[in-house]
Protein backbone atom coordinates (compact mmCIF):
# COMPACT_ATOMS: atom_id res chain seq x y z
CA UNK A 1 0.00 0.00 0.00
CA UNK A 2 1.10 3.60 -0.54
CA UNK A 3 1.83 5.68 2.57
CA UNK A 4 2.23 9.46 2.83
CA UNK A 5 3.00 11.50 5.94
CA UNK A 6 2.36 15.21 5.53
CA UNK A 7 2.75 18.10 8.00
CA UNK A 8 1.64 21.71 7.47
CA UNK A 9 5.24 22.50 6.43
CA UNK A 10 6.34 19.59 4.25
CA UNK A 11 5.93 16.04 2.99
CA UNK A 12 7.84 13.86 5.46
CA UNK A 13 7.46 10.39 3.93
CA UNK A 14 6.09 8.95 0.70
CA UNK A 15 6.62 5.27 -0.10
CA UNK A 16 5.16 1.78 -0.30
CA UNK A 17 4.78 -0.17 2.96
CA UNK A 18 3.26 -3.49 3.97
CA UNK A 19 2.30 -2.52 7.52
CA UNK A 20 1.75 0.82 9.28
CA UNK A 21 1.43 1.13 13.07
CA UNK A 22 -0.26 4.28 14.37
CA UNK A 23 -0.75 5.88 17.82
CA UNK A 24 -4.56 6.15 17.92
CA UNK A 25 -6.34 8.23 20.55
CA UNK A 26 -7.85 5.02 22.00
CA UNK A 27 -4.70 2.92 21.57
CA UNK A 28 -2.18 1.82 18.98
CA UNK A 29 -3.44 0.08 15.82
CA UNK A 30 -2.10 -1.34 12.56
CA UNK A 31 -3.07 -0.94 8.92
CA UNK A 32 -2.34 -3.77 6.46
CA UNK A 33 -2.91 -4.16 2.70
CA UNK A 34 -6.59 -4.13 1.64
CA UNK A 35 -7.71 -2.54 4.92
CA UNK A 36 -11.27 -1.22 5.00
CA UNK A 37 -11.80 2.53 4.56
CA UNK A 38 -11.02 4.37 7.79
CA UNK A 39 -10.64 7.87 9.23
CA UNK A 40 -9.19 8.20 12.75
CA UNK A 41 -7.57 10.77 15.02
CA UNK A 42 -4.03 10.24 16.23
CA UNK A 43 -2.27 11.25 19.43
CA UNK A 44 1.36 12.06 20.06
CA UNK A 45 3.46 8.92 19.70
CA UNK A 46 5.47 6.57 17.51
CA UNK A 47 4.34 5.88 13.93
CA UNK A 48 6.07 3.10 11.99
CA UNK A 49 5.85 2.22 8.29
CA UNK A 50 7.74 -1.05 7.75
CA UNK A 51 11.22 -0.24 9.13
CA UNK A 52 10.85 3.58 9.13
CA UNK A 53 9.86 5.26 12.43
CA UNK A 54 8.56 8.77 13.12
CA UNK A 55 7.57 10.54 16.34
CA UNK A 56 4.38 12.48 15.51
CA UNK A 57 2.65 15.24 17.46
CA UNK A 58 -0.86 13.96 16.70
CA UNK A 59 -3.09 14.33 13.65
CA UNK A 60 -5.50 12.41 11.43
CA UNK A 61 -5.18 9.29 9.25
CA UNK A 62 -7.29 8.37 6.23
CA UNK A 63 -7.19 4.88 4.68
CA UNK A 64 -8.83 4.41 1.28
CA UNK A 65 -8.10 2.02 -1.62
CA UNK A 66 -4.68 0.89 -0.30
CA UNK A 67 -3.54 4.47 0.31
CA UNK A 68 -2.73 5.65 3.83
CA UNK A 69 -2.62 9.43 4.22
CA UNK A 70 -1.38 10.76 7.56
CA UNK A 71 -1.88 14.45 8.23
CA UNK A 72 0.41 15.05 11.21
CA UNK A 73 0.52 18.23 13.30
CA UNK A 74 4.30 17.81 13.50
CA UNK A 75 7.06 15.20 13.17
CA UNK A 76 10.21 15.07 15.29
PDB file of N, CA and C in Angstrom:
ATOM      1  N   UNK A   1       0.841  -1.171   0.000  1.00  0.00           N
ATOM      2  CA  UNK A   1       0.000   0.000   0.000  1.00  0.00           C
ATOM      3  C   UNK A   1       0.889   1.238   0.000  1.00  0.00           C
ATOM      4  N   UNK A   2       0.346   2.343  -0.454  1.00  0.00           N
ATOM      5  CA  UNK A   2       1.101   3.595  -0.545  1.00  0.00           C
ATOM      6  C   UNK A   2       0.852   4.423   0.712  1.00  0.00           C
ATOM      7  N   UNK A   3       1.923   4.920   1.324  1.00  0.00           N
ATOM      8  CA  UNK A   3       1.831   5.675   2.572  1.00  0.00           C
ATOM      9  C   UNK A   3       2.441   7.058   2.386  1.00  0.00           C
ATOM     10  N   UNK A   4       1.716   8.083   2.835  1.00  0.00           N
ATOM     11  CA  UNK A   4       2.227   9.455   2.830  1.00  0.00           C
ATOM     12  C   UNK A   4       2.043  10.057   4.209  1.00  0.00           C
ATOM     13  N   UNK A   5       3.079  10.739   4.691  1.00  0.00           N
ATOM     14  CA  UNK A   5       3.001  11.498   5.937  1.00  0.00           C
ATOM     15  C   UNK A   5       3.257  12.954   5.576  1.00  0.00           C
ATOM     16  N   UNK A   6       2.284  13.801   5.892  1.00  0.00           N
ATOM     17  CA  UNK A   6       2.359  15.214   5.532  1.00  0.00           C
ATOM     18  C   UNK A   6       2.136  16.063   6.779  1.00  0.00           C
ATOM     19  N   UNK A   7       2.953  17.111   6.935  1.00  0.00           N
ATOM     20  CA  UNK A   7       2.750  18.101   7.995  1.00  0.00           C
ATOM     21  C   UNK A   7       2.348  19.414   7.324  1.00  0.00           C
ATOM     22  N   UNK A   8       1.960  20.414   8.099  1.00  0.00           N
ATOM     23  CA  UNK A   8       1.636  21.705   7.474  1.00  0.00           C
ATOM     24  C   UNK A   8       2.815  22.321   6.697  1.00  0.00           C
ATOM     25  N   UNK A   9       4.048  21.925   7.047  1.00  0.00           N
ATOM     26  CA  UNK A   9       5.243  22.505   6.426  1.00  0.00           C
ATOM     27  C   UNK A   9       5.795  21.728   5.240  1.00  0.00           C
ATOM     28  N   UNK A  10       5.657  20.393   5.264  1.00  0.00           N
ATOM     29  CA  UNK A  10       6.343  19.589   4.254  1.00  0.00           C
ATOM     30  C   UNK A  10       5.793  18.173   4.164  1.00  0.00           C
ATOM     31  N   UNK A  11       6.206  17.470   3.123  1.00  0.00           N
ATOM     32  CA  UNK A  11       5.926  16.041   2.993  1.00  0.00           C
ATOM     33  C   UNK A  11       7.095  15.312   3.640  1.00  0.00           C
ATOM     34  N   UNK A  12       6.813  14.524   4.672  1.00  0.00           N
ATOM     35  CA  UNK A  12       7.842  13.860   5.463  1.00  0.00           C
ATOM     36  C   UNK A  12       8.218  12.509   4.887  1.00  0.00           C
ATOM     37  N   UNK A  13       7.227  11.761   4.381  1.00  0.00           N
ATOM     38  CA  UNK A  13       7.462  10.391   3.932  1.00  0.00           C
ATOM     39  C   UNK A  13       6.470  10.061   2.831  1.00  0.00           C
ATOM     40  N   UNK A  14       6.942   9.359   1.816  1.00  0.00           N
ATOM     41  CA  UNK A  14       6.090   8.950   0.704  1.00  0.00           C
ATOM     42  C   UNK A  14       6.692   7.685   0.098  1.00  0.00           C
ATOM     43  N   UNK A  15       6.054   6.526   0.364  1.00  0.00           N
ATOM     44  CA  UNK A  15       6.619   5.267  -0.100  1.00  0.00           C
ATOM     45  C   UNK A  15       5.603   4.139   0.055  1.00  0.00           C
ATOM     46  N   UNK A  16       5.956   2.985  -0.491  1.00  0.00           N
ATOM     47  CA  UNK A  16       5.162   1.778  -0.300  1.00  0.00           C
ATOM     48  C   UNK A  16       5.524   1.159   1.051  1.00  0.00           C
ATOM     49  N   UNK A  17       4.535   0.535   1.706  1.00  0.00           N
ATOM     50  CA  UNK A  17       4.776  -0.171   2.962  1.00  0.00           C
ATOM     51  C   UNK A  17       3.783  -1.318   3.070  1.00  0.00           C
ATOM     52  N   UNK A  18       4.164  -2.356   3.797  1.00  0.00           N
ATOM     53  CA  UNK A  18       3.260  -3.493   3.965  1.00  0.00           C
ATOM     54  C   UNK A  18       2.485  -3.425   5.271  1.00  0.00           C
ATOM     55  N   UNK A  19       3.008  -2.689   6.249  1.00  0.00           N
ATOM     56  CA  UNK A  19       2.303  -2.515   7.524  1.00  0.00           C
ATOM     57  C   UNK A  19       2.617  -1.134   8.095  1.00  0.00           C
ATOM     58  N   UNK A  20       1.590  -0.480   8.634  1.00  0.00           N
ATOM     59  CA  UNK A  20       1.745   0.825   9.282  1.00  0.00           C
ATOM     60  C   UNK A  20       1.150   0.712  10.680  1.00  0.00           C
ATOM     61  N   UNK A  21       1.915   1.127  11.691  1.00  0.00           N
ATOM     62  CA  UNK A  21       1.435   1.129  13.069  1.00  0.00           C
ATOM     63  C   UNK A  21       1.282   2.581  13.507  1.00  0.00           C
ATOM     64  N   UNK A  22       0.095   2.902  14.051  1.00  0.00           N
ATOM     65  CA  UNK A  22      -0.257   4.283  14.370  1.00  0.00           C
ATOM     66  C   UNK A  22      -0.653   4.444  15.833  1.00  0.00           C
ATOM     67  N   UNK A  23      -0.351   5.619  16.435  1.00  0.00           N
ATOM     68  CA  UNK A  23      -0.755   5.876  17.823  1.00  0.00           C
ATOM     69  C   UNK A  23      -2.158   6.487  17.869  1.00  0.00           C
ATOM     70  N   UNK A  24      -3.184   5.659  17.873  1.00  0.00           N
ATOM     71  CA  UNK A  24      -4.555   6.153  17.915  1.00  0.00           C
ATOM     72  C   UNK A  24      -4.897   6.748  19.269  1.00  0.00           C
ATOM     73  N   UNK A  25      -5.904   7.601  19.307  1.00  0.00           N
ATOM     74  CA  UNK A  25      -6.337   8.228  20.553  1.00  0.00           C
ATOM     75  C   UNK A  25      -6.774   7.173  21.568  1.00  0.00           C
ATOM     76  N   UNK A  26      -7.387   6.095  21.108  1.00  0.00           N
ATOM     77  CA  UNK A  26      -7.849   5.024  21.998  1.00  0.00           C
ATOM     78  C   UNK A  26      -6.905   3.828  22.037  1.00  0.00           C
ATOM     79  N   UNK A  27      -5.678   3.996  21.554  1.00  0.00           N
ATOM     80  CA  UNK A  27      -4.697   2.916  21.569  1.00  0.00           C
ATOM     81  C   UNK A  27      -4.053   2.731  20.213  1.00  0.00           C
ATOM     82  N   UNK A  28      -2.936   2.067  20.205  1.00  0.00           N
ATOM     83  CA  UNK A  28      -2.176   1.820  18.981  1.00  0.00           C
ATOM     84  C   UNK A  28      -2.921   0.833  18.087  1.00  0.00           C
ATOM     85  N   UNK A  29      -2.821   1.014  16.761  1.00  0.00           N
ATOM     86  CA  UNK A  29      -3.443   0.076  15.822  1.00  0.00           C
ATOM     87  C   UNK A  29      -2.617  -0.019  14.552  1.00  0.00           C
ATOM     88  N   UNK A  30      -2.861  -1.091  13.783  1.00  0.00           N
ATOM     89  CA  UNK A  30      -2.104  -1.342  12.556  1.00  0.00           C
ATOM     90  C   UNK A  30      -3.009  -1.321  11.339  1.00  0.00           C
ATOM     91  N   UNK A  31      -2.409  -0.916  10.222  1.00  0.00           N
ATOM     92  CA  UNK A  31      -3.066  -0.938   8.915  1.00  0.00           C
ATOM     93  C   UNK A  31      -2.265  -1.896   8.034  1.00  0.00           C
ATOM     94  N   UNK A  32      -2.954  -2.832   7.393  1.00  0.00           N
ATOM     95  CA  UNK A  32      -2.336  -3.774   6.460  1.00  0.00           C
ATOM     96  C   UNK A  32      -2.941  -3.577   5.074  1.00  0.00           C
ATOM     97  N   UNK A  33      -2.359  -4.223   4.050  1.00  0.00           N
ATOM     98  CA  UNK A  33      -2.911  -4.161   2.698  1.00  0.00           C
ATOM     99  C   UNK A  33      -4.393  -4.522   2.700  1.00  0.00           C
ATOM    100  N   UNK A  34      -5.155  -3.879   1.816  1.00  0.00           N
ATOM    101  CA  UNK A  34      -6.590  -4.131   1.642  1.00  0.00           C
ATOM    102  C   UNK A  34      -7.416  -3.852   2.890  1.00  0.00           C
ATOM    103  N   UNK A  35      -6.954  -2.937   3.726  1.00  0.00           N
ATOM    104  CA  UNK A  35      -7.711  -2.545   4.917  1.00  0.00           C
ATOM    105  C   UNK A  35      -8.978  -1.806   4.495  1.00  0.00           C
ATOM    106  N   UNK A  36     -10.026  -1.946   5.266  1.00  0.00           N
ATOM    107  CA  UNK A  36     -11.274  -1.222   4.998  1.00  0.00           C
ATOM    108  C   UNK A  36     -11.037   0.282   5.125  1.00  0.00           C
ATOM    109  N   UNK A  37     -11.890   1.063   4.470  1.00  0.00           N
ATOM    110  CA  UNK A  37     -11.795   2.525   4.561  1.00  0.00           C
ATOM    111  C   UNK A  37     -11.904   2.948   6.024  1.00  0.00           C
ATOM    112  N   UNK A  38     -11.111   3.963   6.396  1.00  0.00           N
ATOM    113  CA  UNK A  38     -11.024   4.367   7.792  1.00  0.00           C
ATOM    114  C   UNK A  38     -10.575   5.817   7.889  1.00  0.00           C
ATOM    115  N   UNK A  39     -11.137   6.543   8.840  1.00  0.00           N
ATOM    116  CA  UNK A  39     -10.638   7.866   9.232  1.00  0.00           C
ATOM    117  C   UNK A  39     -10.541   7.840  10.747  1.00  0.00           C
ATOM    118  N   UNK A  40      -9.388   8.245  11.302  1.00  0.00           N
ATOM    119  CA  UNK A  40      -9.189   8.195  12.748  1.00  0.00           C
ATOM    120  C   UNK A  40      -8.282   9.331  13.193  1.00  0.00           C
ATOM    121  N   UNK A  41      -8.467   9.762  14.445  1.00  0.00           N
ATOM    122  CA  UNK A  41      -7.569  10.766  15.021  1.00  0.00           C
ATOM    123  C   UNK A  41      -6.378  10.070  15.665  1.00  0.00           C
ATOM    124  N   UNK A  42      -5.268  10.778  15.685  1.00  0.00           N
ATOM    125  CA  UNK A  42      -4.026  10.236  16.231  1.00  0.00           C
ATOM    126  C   UNK A  42      -3.538  11.121  17.360  1.00  0.00           C
ATOM    127  N   UNK A  43      -2.884  10.488  18.347  1.00  0.00           N
ATOM    128  CA  UNK A  43      -2.275  11.253  19.430  1.00  0.00           C
ATOM    129  C   UNK A  43      -0.761  11.275  19.235  1.00  0.00           C
ATOM    130  N   UNK A  44      -0.088  12.015  20.101  1.00  0.00           N
ATOM    131  CA  UNK A  44       1.365  12.065  20.062  1.00  0.00           C
ATOM    132  C   UNK A  44       1.921  10.674  20.331  1.00  0.00           C
ATOM    133  N   UNK A  45       2.872  10.237  19.493  1.00  0.00           N
ATOM    134  CA  UNK A  45       3.462   8.920  19.698  1.00  0.00           C
ATOM    135  C   UNK A  45       4.257   8.446  18.503  1.00  0.00           C
ATOM    136  N   UNK A  46       4.622   7.172  18.532  1.00  0.00           N
ATOM    137  CA  UNK A  46       5.465   6.570  17.508  1.00  0.00           C
ATOM    138  C   UNK A  46       4.626   6.005  16.366  1.00  0.00           C
ATOM    139  N   UNK A  47       4.963   6.396  15.153  1.00  0.00           N
ATOM    140  CA  UNK A  47       4.340   5.876  13.934  1.00  0.00           C
ATOM    141  C   UNK A  47       5.415   5.098  13.190  1.00  0.00           C
ATOM    142  N   UNK A  48       5.112   3.874  12.771  1.00  0.00           N
ATOM    143  CA  UNK A  48       6.069   3.103  11.986  1.00  0.00           C
ATOM    144  C   UNK A  48       5.440   2.662  10.673  1.00  0.00           C
ATOM    145  N   UNK A  49       6.236   2.709   9.618  1.00  0.00           N
ATOM    146  CA  UNK A  49       5.848   2.217   8.293  1.00  0.00           C
ATOM    147  C   UNK A  49       6.959   1.277   7.854  1.00  0.00           C
ATOM    148  N   UNK A  50       6.715  -0.019   7.930  1.00  0.00           N
ATOM    149  CA  UNK A  50       7.741  -1.049   7.755  1.00  0.00           C
ATOM    150  C   UNK A  50       8.891  -0.773   8.717  1.00  0.00           C
ATOM    151  N   UNK A  51      10.077  -0.444   8.236  1.00  0.00           N
ATOM    152  CA  UNK A  51      11.225  -0.239   9.129  1.00  0.00           C
ATOM    153  C   UNK A  51      11.489   1.234   9.442  1.00  0.00           C
ATOM    154  N   UNK A  52      10.710   2.142   8.864  1.00  0.00           N
ATOM    155  CA  UNK A  52      10.849   3.579   9.134  1.00  0.00           C
ATOM    156  C   UNK A  52      10.022   3.947  10.367  1.00  0.00           C
ATOM    157  N   UNK A  53      10.565   4.819  11.231  1.00  0.00           N
ATOM    158  CA  UNK A  53       9.859   5.260  12.434  1.00  0.00           C
ATOM    159  C   UNK A  53       9.845   6.780  12.507  1.00  0.00           C
ATOM    160  N   UNK A  54       8.734   7.321  12.988  1.00  0.00           N
ATOM    161  CA  UNK A  54       8.562   8.767  13.121  1.00  0.00           C
ATOM    162  C   UNK A  54       7.836   9.054  14.430  1.00  0.00           C
ATOM    163  N   UNK A  55       8.252  10.080  15.135  1.00  0.00           N
ATOM    164  CA  UNK A  55       7.567  10.538  16.341  1.00  0.00           C
ATOM    165  C   UNK A  55       6.645  11.678  15.903  1.00  0.00           C
ATOM    166  N   UNK A  56       5.327  11.454  15.968  1.00  0.00           N
ATOM    167  CA  UNK A  56       4.384  12.479  15.505  1.00  0.00           C
ATOM    168  C   UNK A  56       3.760  13.201  16.702  1.00  0.00           C
ATOM    169  N   UNK A  57       3.261  14.400  16.435  1.00  0.00           N
ATOM    170  CA  UNK A  57       2.648  15.237  17.463  1.00  0.00           C
ATOM    171  C   UNK A  57       1.135  15.100  17.497  1.00  0.00           C
ATOM    172  N   UNK A  58       0.583  14.115  16.802  1.00  0.00           N
ATOM    173  CA  UNK A  58      -0.863  13.955  16.700  1.00  0.00           C
ATOM    174  C   UNK A  58      -1.305  14.277  15.290  1.00  0.00           C
ATOM    175  N   UNK A  59      -2.584  14.032  14.988  1.00  0.00           N
ATOM    176  CA  UNK A  59      -3.086  14.327  13.651  1.00  0.00           C
ATOM    177  C   UNK A  59      -4.266  13.445  13.285  1.00  0.00           C
ATOM    178  N   UNK A  60      -4.380  13.170  11.982  1.00  0.00           N
ATOM    179  CA  UNK A  60      -5.497  12.405  11.433  1.00  0.00           C
ATOM    180  C   UNK A  60      -4.942  11.442  10.388  1.00  0.00           C
ATOM    181  N   UNK A  61      -5.546  10.244  10.293  1.00  0.00           N
ATOM    182  CA  UNK A  61      -5.181   9.289   9.248  1.00  0.00           C
ATOM    183  C   UNK A  61      -6.422   8.957   8.434  1.00  0.00           C
ATOM    184  N   UNK A  62      -6.236   8.829   7.123  1.00  0.00           N
ATOM    185  CA  UNK A  62      -7.292   8.368   6.227  1.00  0.00           C
ATOM    186  C   UNK A  62      -6.759   7.167   5.468  1.00  0.00           C
ATOM    187  N   UNK A  63      -7.540   6.086   5.436  1.00  0.00           N
ATOM    188  CA  UNK A  63      -7.188   4.881   4.681  1.00  0.00           C
ATOM    189  C   UNK A  63      -8.275   4.670   3.635  1.00  0.00           C
ATOM    190  N   UNK A  64      -7.867   4.588   2.362  1.00  0.00           N
ATOM    191  CA  UNK A  64      -8.828   4.408   1.279  1.00  0.00           C
ATOM    192  C   UNK A  64      -8.122   3.797   0.077  1.00  0.00           C
ATOM    193  N   UNK A  65      -8.626   2.673  -0.419  1.00  0.00           N
ATOM    194  CA  UNK A  65      -8.100   2.023  -1.625  1.00  0.00           C
ATOM    195  C   UNK A  65      -6.598   1.792  -1.573  1.00  0.00           C
ATOM    196  N   UNK A  66      -6.110   1.190  -0.487  1.00  0.00           N
ATOM    197  CA  UNK A  66      -4.684   0.886  -0.304  1.00  0.00           C
ATOM    198  C   UNK A  66      -3.788   2.114  -0.306  1.00  0.00           C
ATOM    199  N   UNK A  67      -4.338   3.263   0.099  1.00  0.00           N
ATOM    200  CA  UNK A  67      -3.539   4.468   0.306  1.00  0.00           C
ATOM    201  C   UNK A  67      -3.769   4.941   1.726  1.00  0.00           C
ATOM    202  N   UNK A  68      -2.674   5.168   2.451  1.00  0.00           N
ATOM    203  CA  UNK A  68      -2.732   5.645   3.830  1.00  0.00           C
ATOM    204  C   UNK A  68      -2.168   7.066   3.840  1.00  0.00           C
ATOM    205  N   UNK A  69      -3.023   8.018   4.169  1.00  0.00           N
ATOM    206  CA  UNK A  69      -2.622   9.434   4.221  1.00  0.00           C
ATOM    207  C   UNK A  69      -2.659   9.883   5.661  1.00  0.00           C
ATOM    208  N   UNK A  70      -1.486  10.287   6.181  1.00  0.00           N
ATOM    209  CA  UNK A  70      -1.380  10.759   7.557  1.00  0.00           C
ATOM    210  C   UNK A  70      -1.116  12.255   7.513  1.00  0.00           C
ATOM    211  N   UNK A  71      -2.037  13.013   8.097  1.00  0.00           N
ATOM    212  CA  UNK A  71      -1.876  14.455   8.226  1.00  0.00           C
ATOM    213  C   UNK A  71      -1.452  14.711   9.660  1.00  0.00           C
ATOM    214  N   UNK A  72      -0.147  14.905   9.871  1.00  0.00           N
ATOM    215  CA  UNK A  72       0.411  15.049  11.214  1.00  0.00           C
ATOM    216  C   UNK A  72       0.571  16.528  11.566  1.00  0.00           C
ATOM    217  N   UNK A  73       0.323  16.848  12.831  1.00  0.00           N
ATOM    218  CA  UNK A  73       0.523  18.226  13.304  1.00  0.00           C
ATOM    219  C   UNK A  73       2.005  18.587  13.310  1.00  0.00           C
ATOM    220  N   UNK A  74       2.856  17.608  13.511  1.00  0.00           N
ATOM    221  CA  UNK A  74       4.301  17.810  13.501  1.00  0.00           C
ATOM    222  C   UNK A  74       5.004  16.466  13.592  1.00  0.00           C
ATOM    223  N   UNK A  75       6.242  16.421  13.115  1.00  0.00           N
ATOM    224  CA  UNK A  75       7.056  15.202  13.170  1.00  0.00           C
ATOM    225  C   UNK A  75       8.430  15.568  13.706  1.00  0.00           C
ATOM    226  N   UNK A  76       8.867  14.831  14.717  1.00  0.00           N
ATOM    227  CA  UNK A  76      10.214  15.070  15.294  1.00  0.00           C
ATOM    228  C   UNK A  76      11.199  14.069  14.749  1.00  0.00           C
TER     229      UNK A  76
END
